Amino acid sequence: MSAAEAQLKRIQDKLQQLLKQHVALQKENHRLKEEVGSAQEKIMAQQKNTDEFKQQVSVLKLNAGDMNEVDKKDLEKRINGYLKEIDRCISMLGK
């Protein structure tokens, strides 16, 4: 085998190794993307639970009459925001 043929064989072998590595990395990338998607779904679910718990705490404070002025103003702002959103929805339904 001549030197050129030997070098060509080495290049082909390296290319095969690179292709195998490329396929393996693509599979790993796909798996990691799925993992990230799953983790993001879990984070969103946990955030939703946290928001629900915060809302429950606010309601419990309101029922217990245990709200300070800052909490009362925050609740009032949220209620006003909800009312504006309801009014907007009603006006959209009326169109």
PDB file of N, CA and C in Angstrom:
ATOM      1  N   MET A   1       0.849  -1.165   0.000  1.00  0.00           N
ATOM      2  CA  MET A   1       0.000   0.000   0.000  1.00  0.00           C
ATOM      3  C   MET A   1       0.901   1.236   0.000  1.00  0.00           C
ATOM      4  N   SER A   2       0.589   2.153  -0.869  1.00  0.00           N
ATOM      5  CA  SER A   2       1.413   3.361  -0.971  1.00  0.00           C
ATOM      6  C   SER A   2       1.064   4.321   0.168  1.00  0.00           C
ATOM      7  N   ALA A   3       1.882   5.313   0.326  1.00  0.00           N
ATOM      8  CA  ALA A   3       1.683   6.298   1.393  1.00  0.00           C
ATOM      9  C   ALA A   3       0.376   7.057   1.197  1.00  0.00           C
ATOM     10  N   ALA A   4       0.030   7.342  -0.054  1.00  0.00           N
ATOM     11  CA  ALA A   4      -1.207   8.065  -0.343  1.00  0.00           C
ATOM     12  C   ALA A   4      -2.418   7.217   0.029  1.00  0.00           C
ATOM     13  N   GLU A   5      -2.346   5.912  -0.299  1.00  0.00           N
ATOM     14  CA  GLU A   5      -3.451   5.014   0.042  1.00  0.00           C
ATOM     15  C   GLU A   5      -3.592   4.881   1.555  1.00  0.00           C
ATOM     16  N   ALA A   6      -2.473   4.801   2.252  1.00  0.00           N
ATOM     17  CA  ALA A   6      -2.503   4.689   3.712  1.00  0.00           C
ATOM     18  C   ALA A   6      -3.101   5.945   4.332  1.00  0.00           C
ATOM     19  N   GLN A   7      -2.717   7.083   3.794  1.00  0.00           N
ATOM     20  CA  GLN A   7      -3.250   8.338   4.323  1.00  0.00           C
ATOM     21  C   GLN A   7      -4.739   8.439   4.023  1.00  0.00           C
ATOM     22  N   LEU A   8      -5.161   8.021   2.838  1.00  0.00           N
ATOM     23  CA  LEU A   8      -6.572   8.022   2.479  1.00  0.00           C
ATOM     24  C   LEU A   8      -7.360   7.114   3.413  1.00  0.00           C
ATOM     25  N   LYS A   9      -6.800   5.948   3.735  1.00  0.00           N
ATOM     26  CA  LYS A   9      -7.449   5.014   4.654  1.00  0.00           C
ATOM     27  C   LYS A   9      -7.599   5.647   6.044  1.00  0.00           C
ATOM     28  N   ARG A  10      -6.561   6.341   6.525  1.00  0.00           N
ATOM     29  CA  ARG A  10      -6.632   7.006   7.830  1.00  0.00           C
ATOM     30  C   ARG A  10      -7.703   8.097   7.827  1.00  0.00           C
ATOM     31  N   ILE A  11      -7.771   8.831   6.730  1.00  0.00           N
ATOM     32  CA  ILE A  11      -8.780   9.893   6.621  1.00  0.00           C
ATOM     33  C   ILE A  11     -10.182   9.292   6.641  1.00  0.00           C
ATOM     34  N   GLN A  12     -10.378   8.190   5.911  1.00  0.00           N
ATOM     35  CA  GLN A  12     -11.682   7.527   5.898  1.00  0.00           C
ATOM     36  C   GLN A  12     -12.045   7.012   7.290  1.00  0.00           C
ATOM     37  N   ASP A  13     -11.073   6.430   7.987  1.00  0.00           N
ATOM     38  CA  ASP A  13     -11.321   5.938   9.345  1.00  0.00           C
ATOM     39  C   ASP A  13     -11.708   7.086  10.279  1.00  0.00           C
ATOM     40  N   LYS A  14     -10.985   8.186  10.179  1.00  0.00           N
ATOM     41  CA  LYS A  14     -11.292   9.362  11.006  1.00  0.00           C
ATOM     42  C   LYS A  14     -12.687   9.888  10.682  1.00  0.00           C
ATOM     43  N   LEU A  15     -13.025   9.898   9.392  1.00  0.00           N
ATOM     44  CA  LEU A  15     -14.339  10.365   8.975  1.00  0.00           C
ATOM     45  C   LEU A  15     -15.427   9.472   9.551  1.00  0.00           C
ATOM     46  N   GLN A  16     -15.230   8.163   9.518  1.00  0.00           N
ATOM     47  CA  GLN A  16     -16.199   7.230  10.100  1.00  0.00           C
ATOM     48  C   GLN A  16     -16.358   7.481  11.601  1.00  0.00           C
ATOM     49  N   GLN A  17     -15.240   7.711  12.283  1.00  0.00           N
ATOM     50  CA  GLN A  17     -15.300   7.998  13.716  1.00  0.00           C
ATOM     51  C   GLN A  17     -16.083   9.288  13.980  1.00  0.00           C
ATOM     52  N   LEU A  18     -15.817  10.301  13.165  1.00  0.00           N
ATOM     53  CA  LEU A  18     -16.522  11.572  13.327  1.00  0.00           C
ATOM     54  C   LEU A  18     -18.017  11.420  13.068  1.00  0.00           C
ATOM     55  N   LEU A  19     -18.377  10.633  12.065  1.00  0.00           N
ATOM     56  CA  LEU A  19     -19.793  10.411  11.771  1.00  0.00           C
ATOM     57  C   LEU A  19     -20.485   9.686  12.917  1.00  0.00           C
ATOM     58  N   LYS A  20     -19.820   8.674  13.484  1.00  0.00           N
ATOM     59  CA  LYS A  20     -20.389   7.959  14.627  1.00  0.00           C
ATOM     60  C   LYS A  20     -20.555   8.900  15.815  1.00  0.00           C
ATOM     61  N   GLN A  21     -19.549   9.724  16.039  1.00  0.00           N
ATOM     62  CA  GLN A  21     -19.610  10.676  17.142  1.00  0.00           C
ATOM     63  C   GLN A  21     -20.727  11.694  16.902  1.00  0.00           C
ATOM     64  N   HIS A  22     -20.881  12.119  15.657  1.00  0.00           N
ATOM     65  CA  HIS A  22     -21.937  13.070  15.302  1.00  0.00           C
ATOM     66  C   HIS A  22     -23.315  12.481  15.598  1.00  0.00           C
ATOM     67  N   VAL A  23     -23.545  11.243  15.202  1.00  0.00           N
ATOM     68  CA  VAL A  23     -24.829  10.584  15.448  1.00  0.00           C
ATOM     69  C   VAL A  23     -25.079  10.462  16.946  1.00  0.00           C
ATOM     70  N   ALA A  24     -24.046  10.069  17.695  1.00  0.00           N
ATOM     71  CA  ALA A  24     -24.192   9.929  19.145  1.00  0.00           C
ATOM     72  C   ALA A  24     -24.527  11.271  19.792  1.00  0.00           C
ATOM     73  N   LEU A  25     -23.875  12.328  19.324  1.00  0.00           N
ATOM     74  CA  LEU A  25     -24.142  13.654  19.879  1.00  0.00           C
ATOM     75  C   LEU A  25     -25.543  14.147  19.519  1.00  0.00           C
ATOM     76  N   GLN A  26     -26.010  13.807  18.326  1.00  0.00           N
ATOM     77  CA  GLN A  26     -27.371  14.179  17.943  1.00  0.00           C
ATOM     78  C   GLN A  26     -28.388  13.492  18.848  1.00  0.00           C
ATOM     79  N   LYS A  27     -28.166  12.208  19.128  1.00  0.00           N
ATOM     80  CA  LYS A  27     -29.068  11.474  20.014  1.00  0.00           C
ATOM     81  C   LYS A  27     -29.062  12.084  21.411  1.00  0.00           C
ATOM     82  N   GLU A  28     -27.866  12.399  21.897  1.00  0.00           N
ATOM     83  CA  GLU A  28     -27.762  12.995  23.232  1.00  0.00           C
ATOM     84  C   GLU A  28     -28.433  14.369  23.263  1.00  0.00           C
ATOM     85  N   ASN A  29     -28.253  15.140  22.207  1.00  0.00           N
ATOM     86  CA  ASN A  29     -28.877  16.457  22.117  1.00  0.00           C
ATOM     87  C   ASN A  29     -30.398  16.332  22.151  1.00  0.00           C
ATOM     88  N   HIS A  30     -30.935  15.378  21.421  1.00  0.00           N
ATOM     89  CA  HIS A  30     -32.380  15.153  21.406  1.00  0.00           C
ATOM     90  C   HIS A  30     -32.875  14.768  22.799  1.00  0.00           C
ATOM     91  N   ARG A  31     -32.149  13.872  23.459  1.00  0.00           N
ATOM     92  CA  ARG A  31     -32.530  13.433  24.805  1.00  0.00           C
ATOM     93  C   ARG A  31     -32.503  14.612  25.778  1.00  0.00           C
ATOM     94  N   LEU A  32     -31.466  15.436  25.667  1.00  0.00           N
ATOM     95  CA  LEU A  32     -31.345  16.582  26.566  1.00  0.00           C
ATOM     96  C   LEU A  32     -32.448  17.615  26.313  1.00  0.00           C
ATOM     97  N   LYS A  33     -32.825  17.791  25.048  1.00  0.00           N
ATOM     98  CA  LYS A  33     -33.926  18.712  24.740  1.00  0.00           C
ATOM     99  C   LYS A  33     -35.225  18.216  25.364  1.00  0.00           C
ATOM    100  N   GLU A  34     -35.459  16.907  25.304  1.00  0.00           N
ATOM    101  CA  GLU A  34     -36.651  16.345  25.935  1.00  0.00           C
ATOM    102  C   GLU A  34     -36.601  16.546  27.448  1.00  0.00           C
ATOM    103  N   GLU A  35     -35.417  16.371  28.023  1.00  0.00           N
ATOM    104  CA  GLU A  35     -35.237  16.567  29.456  1.00  0.00           C
ATOM    105  C   GLU A  35     -35.532  18.013  29.842  1.00  0.00           C
ATOM    106  N   VAL A  36     -35.043  18.947  29.046  1.00  0.00           N
ATOM    107  CA  VAL A  36     -35.281  20.364  29.311  1.00  0.00           C
ATOM    108  C   VAL A  36     -36.776  20.667  29.225  1.00  0.00           C
ATOM    109  N   GLY A  37     -37.442  20.132  28.218  1.00  0.00           N
ATOM    110  CA  GLY A  37     -38.882  20.340  28.081  1.00  0.00           C
ATOM    111  C   GLY A  37     -39.636  19.809  29.280  1.00  0.00           C
ATOM    112  N   SER A  38     -39.266  18.636  29.732  1.00  0.00           N
ATOM    113  CA  SER A  38     -39.904  18.043  30.904  1.00  0.00           C
ATOM    114  C   SER A  38     -39.650  18.895  32.145  1.00  0.00           C
ATOM    115  N   ALA A  39     -38.427  19.360  32.303  1.00  0.00           N
ATOM    116  CA  ALA A  39     -38.091  20.191  33.461  1.00  0.00           C
ATOM    117  C   ALA A  39     -38.862  21.512  33.425  1.00  0.00           C
ATOM    118  N   GLN A  40     -39.013  22.083  32.234  1.00  0.00           N
ATOM    119  CA  GLN A  40     -39.760  23.335  32.115  1.00  0.00           C
ATOM    120  C   GLN A  40     -41.228  23.128  32.469  1.00  0.00           C
ATOM    121  N   GLU A  41     -41.799  22.000  32.061  1.00  0.00           N
ATOM    122  CA  GLU A  41     -43.183  21.700  32.417  1.00  0.00           C
ATOM    123  C   GLU A  41     -43.329  21.574  33.928  1.00  0.00           C
ATOM    124  N   LYS A  42     -42.374  20.911  34.563  1.00  0.00           N
ATOM    125  CA  LYS A  42     -42.417  20.768  36.020  1.00  0.00           C
ATOM    126  C   LYS A  42     -42.303  22.125  36.703  1.00  0.00           C
ATOM    127  N   ILE A  43     -41.424  22.974  36.186  1.00  0.00           N
ATOM    128  CA  ILE A  43     -41.256  24.310  36.761  1.00  0.00           C
ATOM    129  C   ILE A  43     -42.549  25.106  36.636  1.00  0.00           C
ATOM    130  N   MET A  44     -43.187  25.027  35.469  1.00  0.00           N
ATOM    131  CA  MET A  44     -44.438  25.755  35.268  1.00  0.00           C
ATOM    132  C   MET A  44     -45.518  25.246  36.213  1.00  0.00           C
ATOM    133  N   ALA A  45     -45.584  23.928  36.402  1.00  0.00           N
ATOM    134  CA  ALA A  45     -46.572  23.363  37.318  1.00  0.00           C
ATOM    135  C   ALA A  45     -46.298  23.818  38.748  1.00  0.00           C
ATOM    136  N   GLN A  46     -45.036  23.832  39.145  1.00  0.00           N
ATOM    137  CA  GLN A  46     -44.682  24.282  40.490  1.00  0.00           C
ATOM    138  C   GLN A  46     -45.002  25.768  40.665  1.00  0.00           C
ATOM    139  N   GLN A  47     -44.754  26.554  39.626  1.00  0.00           N
ATOM    140  CA  GLN A  47     -45.062  27.984  39.696  1.00  0.00           C
ATOM    141  C   GLN A  47     -46.561  28.195  39.843  1.00  0.00           C
ATOM    142  N   LYS A  48     -47.336  27.398  39.115  1.00  0.00           N
ATOM    143  CA  LYS A  48     -48.791  27.501  39.214  1.00  0.00           C
ATOM    144  C   LYS A  48     -49.242  27.148  40.625  1.00  0.00           C
ATOM    145  N   ASN A  49     -48.671  26.078  41.187  1.00  0.00           N
ATOM    146  CA  ASN A  49     -49.015  25.699  42.558  1.00  0.00           C
ATOM    147  C   ASN A  49     -48.647  26.802  43.539  1.00  0.00           C
ATOM    148  N   THR A  50     -47.480  27.392  43.358  1.00  0.00           N
ATOM    149  CA  THR A  50     -47.037  28.474  44.237  1.00  0.00           C
ATOM    150  C   THR A  50     -47.997  29.654  44.163  1.00  0.00           C
ATOM    151  N   ASP A  51     -48.396  30.012  42.950  1.00  0.00           N
ATOM    152  CA  ASP A  51     -49.339  31.119  42.784  1.00  0.00           C
ATOM    153  C   ASP A  51     -50.673  30.813  43.454  1.00  0.00           C
ATOM    154  N   GLU A  52     -51.144  29.578  43.313  1.00  0.00           N
ATOM    155  CA  GLU A  52     -52.401  29.189  43.953  1.00  0.00           C
ATOM    156  C   GLU A  52     -52.287  29.262  45.470  1.00  0.00           C
ATOM    157  N   PHE A  53     -51.159  28.815  46.000  1.00  0.00           N
ATOM    158  CA  PHE A  53     -50.967  28.874  47.445  1.00  0.00           C
ATOM    159  C   PHE A  53     -50.898  30.318  47.935  1.00  0.00           C
ATOM    160  N   LYS A  54     -50.243  31.181  47.176  1.00  0.00           N
ATOM    161  CA  LYS A  54     -50.183  32.593  47.550  1.00  0.00           C
ATOM    162  C   LYS A  54     -51.581  33.201  47.573  1.00  0.00           C
ATOM    163  N   GLN A  55     -52.381  32.822  46.593  1.00  0.00           N
ATOM    164  CA  GLN A  55     -53.745  33.335  46.540  1.00  0.00           C
ATOM    165  C   GLN A  55     -54.548  32.819  47.729  1.00  0.00           C
ATOM    166  N   GLN A  56     -54.364  31.552  48.087  1.00  0.00           N
ATOM    167  CA  GLN A  56     -55.057  30.992  49.244  1.00  0.00           C
ATOM    168  C   GLN A  56     -54.648  31.703  50.526  1.00  0.00           C
ATOM    169  N   VAL A  57     -53.365  32.010  50.659  1.00  0.00           N
ATOM    170  CA  VAL A  57     -52.886  32.737  51.839  1.00  0.00           C
ATOM    171  C   VAL A  57     -53.540  34.110  51.901  1.00  0.00           C
ATOM    172  N   SER A  58     -53.643  34.783  50.763  1.00  0.00           N
ATOM    173  CA  SER A  58     -54.281  36.100  50.734  1.00  0.00           C
ATOM    174  C   SER A  58     -55.737  36.012  51.163  1.00  0.00           C
ATOM    175  N   VAL A  59     -56.433  35.010  50.676  1.00  0.00           N
ATOM    176  CA  VAL A  59     -57.841  34.831  51.038  1.00  0.00           C
ATOM    177  C   VAL A  59     -57.968  34.530  52.527  1.00  0.00           C
ATOM    178  N   LEU A  60     -57.096  33.680  53.033  1.00  0.00           N
ATOM    179  CA  LEU A  60     -57.143  33.355  54.461  1.00  0.00           C
ATOM    180  C   LEU A  60     -56.852  34.584  55.318  1.00  0.00           C
ATOM    181  N   LYS A  61     -55.900  35.399  54.896  1.00  0.00           N
ATOM    182  CA  LYS A  61     -55.615  36.629  55.634  1.00  0.00           C
ATOM    183  C   LYS A  61     -56.822  37.557  55.619  1.00  0.00           C
ATOM    184  N   LEU A  62     -57.466  37.647  54.455  1.00  0.00           N
ATOM    185  CA  LEU A  62     -58.640  38.500  54.333  1.00  0.00           C
ATOM    186  C   LEU A  62     -59.744  38.011  55.253  1.00  0.00           C
ATOM    187  N   ASN A  63     -59.979  36.715  55.266  1.00  0.00           N
ATOM    188  CA  ASN A  63     -61.028  36.148  56.113  1.00  0.00           C
ATOM    189  C   ASN A  63     -60.715  36.322  57.592  1.00  0.00           C
ATOM    190  N   ALA A  64     -59.455  36.262  57.936  1.00  0.00           N
ATOM    191  CA  ALA A  64     -59.066  36.390  59.339  1.00  0.00           C
ATOM    192  C   ALA A  64     -58.977  37.855  59.753  1.00  0.00           C
ATOM    193  N   GLY A  65     -59.091  38.775  58.809  1.00  0.00           N
ATOM    194  CA  GLY A  65     -58.969  40.193  59.122  1.00  0.00           C
ATOM    195  C   GLY A  65     -57.559  40.548  59.546  1.00  0.00           C
ATOM    196  N   ASP A  66     -56.605  39.819  59.031  1.00  0.00           N
ATOM    197  CA  ASP A  66     -55.218  39.921  59.477  1.00  0.00           C
ATOM    198  C   ASP A  66     -54.341  40.621  58.444  1.00  0.00           C
ATOM    199  N   MET A  67     -54.941  41.494  57.633  1.00  0.00           N
ATOM    200  CA  MET A  67     -54.173  42.125  56.558  1.00  0.00           C
ATOM    201  C   MET A  67     -53.667  43.491  57.004  1.00  0.00           C
ATOM    202  N   ASN A  68     -52.421  43.774  56.670  1.00  0.00           N
ATOM    203  CA  ASN A  68     -51.892  45.112  56.923  1.00  0.00           C
ATOM    204  C   ASN A  68     -52.252  46.007  55.738  1.00  0.00           C
ATOM    205  N   GLU A  69     -51.913  47.272  55.827  1.00  0.00           N
ATOM    206  CA  GLU A  69     -52.304  48.235  54.791  1.00  0.00           C
ATOM    207  C   GLU A  69     -51.719  47.894  53.420  1.00  0.00           C
ATOM    208  N   VAL A  70     -50.482  47.443  53.398  1.00  0.00           N
ATOM    209  CA  VAL A  70     -49.839  47.099  52.121  1.00  0.00           C
ATOM    210  C   VAL A  70     -50.581  45.941  51.459  1.00  0.00           C
ATOM    211  N   ASP A  71     -50.920  44.921  52.253  1.00  0.00           N
ATOM    212  CA  ASP A  71     -51.652  43.774  51.709  1.00  0.00           C
ATOM    213  C   ASP A  71     -53.037  44.188  51.227  1.00  0.00           C
ATOM    214  N   LYS A  72     -53.690  45.084  51.974  1.00  0.00           N
ATOM    215  CA  LYS A  72     -55.021  45.549  51.574  1.00  0.00           C
ATOM    216  C   LYS A  72     -54.957  46.291  50.239  1.00  0.00           C
ATOM    217  N   LYS A  73     -53.946  47.152  50.091  1.00  0.00           N
ATOM    218  CA  LYS A  73     -53.809  47.903  48.836  1.00  0.00           C
ATOM    219  C   LYS A  73     -53.486  46.967  47.674  1.00  0.00           C
ATOM    220  N   ASP A  74     -52.657  45.966  47.949  1.00  0.00           N
ATOM    221  CA  ASP A  74     -52.318  44.987  46.913  1.00  0.00           C
ATOM    222  C   ASP A  74     -53.562  44.217  46.483  1.00  0.00           C
ATOM    223  N   LEU A  75     -54.358  43.805  47.450  1.00  0.00           N
ATOM    224  CA  LEU A  75     -55.594  43.080  47.147  1.00  0.00           C
ATOM    225  C   LEU A  75     -56.550  43.964  46.356  1.00  0.00           C
ATOM    226  N   GLU A  76     -56.650  45.221  46.758  1.00  0.00           N
ATOM    227  CA  GLU A  76     -57.530  46.148  46.055  1.00  0.00           C
ATOM    228  C   GLU A  76     -57.083  46.327  44.600  1.00  0.00           C
ATOM    229  N   LYS A  77     -55.774  46.443  44.385  1.00  0.00           N
ATOM    230  CA  LYS A  77     -55.255  46.568  43.019  1.00  0.00           C
ATOM    231  C   LYS A  77     -55.580  45.331  42.198  1.00  0.00           C
ATOM    232  N   ARG A  78     -55.403  44.152  42.803  1.00  0.00           N
ATOM    233  CA  ARG A  78     -55.693  42.917  42.063  1.00  0.00           C
ATOM    234  C   ARG A  78     -57.178  42.813  41.735  1.00  0.00           C
ATOM    235  N   ILE A  79     -58.026  43.168  42.690  1.00  0.00           N
ATOM    236  CA  ILE A  79     -59.472  43.120  42.438  1.00  0.00           C
ATOM    237  C   ILE A  79     -59.830  44.085  41.317  1.00  0.00           C
ATOM    238  N   ASN A  80     -59.274  45.292  41.357  1.00  0.00           N
ATOM    239  CA  ASN A  80     -59.539  46.262  40.286  1.00  0.00           C
ATOM    240  C   ASN A  80     -59.043  45.744  38.941  1.00  0.00           C
ATOM    241  N   GLY A  81     -57.889  45.085  38.950  1.00  0.00           N
ATOM    242  CA  GLY A  81     -57.371  44.491  37.716  1.00  0.00           C
ATOM    243  C   GLY A  81     -58.299  43.413  37.182  1.00  0.00           C
ATOM    244  N   TYR A  82     -58.813  42.576  38.088  1.00  0.00           N
ATOM    245  CA  TYR A  82     -59.756  41.533  37.677  1.00  0.00           C
ATOM    246  C   TYR A  82     -61.027  42.156  37.109  1.00  0.00           C
ATOM    247  N   LEU A  83     -61.515  43.209  37.758  1.00  0.00           N
ATOM    248  CA  LEU A  83     -62.729  43.867  37.273  1.00  0.00           C
ATOM    249  C   LEU A  83     -62.511  44.469  35.883  1.00  0.00           C
ATOM    250  N   LYS A  84     -61.360  45.091  35.669  1.00  0.00           N
ATOM    251  CA  LYS A  84     -61.061  45.645  34.345  1.00  0.00           C
ATOM    252  C   LYS A  84     -61.003  44.538  33.296  1.00  0.00           C
ATOM    253  N   GLU A  85     -60.396  43.410  33.661  1.00  0.00           N
ATOM    254  CA  GLU A  85     -60.311  42.277  32.735  1.00  0.00           C
ATOM    255  C   GLU A  85     -61.706  41.739  32.417  1.00  0.00           C
ATOM    256  N   ILE A  86     -62.558  41.652  33.425  1.00  0.00           N
ATOM    257  CA  ILE A  86     -63.942  41.190  33.217  1.00  0.00           C
ATOM    258  C   ILE A  86     -64.678  42.164  32.309  1.00  0.00           C
ATOM    259  N   ASP A  87     -64.535  43.468  32.572  1.00  0.00           N
ATOM    260  CA  ASP A  87     -65.181  44.474  31.724  1.00  0.00           C
ATOM    261  C   ASP A  87     -64.701  44.368  30.281  1.00  0.00           C
ATOM    262  N   ARG A  88     -63.406  44.142  30.103  1.00  0.00           N
ATOM    263  CA  ARG A  88     -62.847  44.006  28.754  1.00  0.00           C
ATOM    264  C   ARG A  88     -63.443  42.787  28.052  1.00  0.00           C
ATOM    265  N   CYS A  89     -63.560  41.685  28.790  1.00  0.00           N
ATOM    266  CA  CYS A  89     -64.136  40.465  28.207  1.00  0.00           C
ATOM    267  C   CYS A  89     -65.596  40.673  27.834  1.00  0.00           C
ATOM    268  N   ILE A  90     -66.336  41.351  28.705  1.00  0.00           N
ATOM    269  CA  ILE A  90     -67.750  41.618  28.429  1.00  0.00           C
ATOM    270  C   ILE A  90     -67.889  42.490  27.187  1.00  0.00           C
ATOM    271  N   SER A  91     -67.043  43.505  27.073  1.00  0.00           N
ATOM    272  CA  SER A  91     -67.130  44.380  25.899  1.00  0.00           C
ATOM    273  C   SER A  91     -66.764  43.622  24.625  1.00  0.00           C
ATOM    274  N   MET A  92     -65.826  42.685  24.719  1.00  0.00           N
ATOM    275  CA  MET A  92     -65.464  41.885  23.545  1.00  0.00           C
ATOM    276  C   MET A  92     -66.605  40.953  23.157  1.00  0.00           C
ATOM    277  N   LEU A  93     -67.313  40.422  24.146  1.00  0.00           N
ATOM    278  CA  LEU A  93     -68.444  39.544  23.856  1.00  0.00           C
ATOM    279  C   LEU A  93     -69.600  40.327  23.241  1.00  0.00           C
ATOM    280  N   GLY A  94     -69.719  41.591  23.610  1.00  0.00           N
ATOM    281  CA  GLY A  94     -70.800  42.424  23.099  1.00  0.00           C
ATOM    282  C   GLY A  94     -70.606  42.840  21.654  1.00  0.00           C
ATOM    283  N   LYS A  95     -69.398  42.706  21.148  1.00  0.00           N
ATOM    284  CA  LYS A  95     -69.116  43.144  19.771  1.00  0.00           C
ATOM    285  C   LYS A  95     -69.622  42.175  18.757  1.00  0.00           C
TER     286      LYS A  95
END
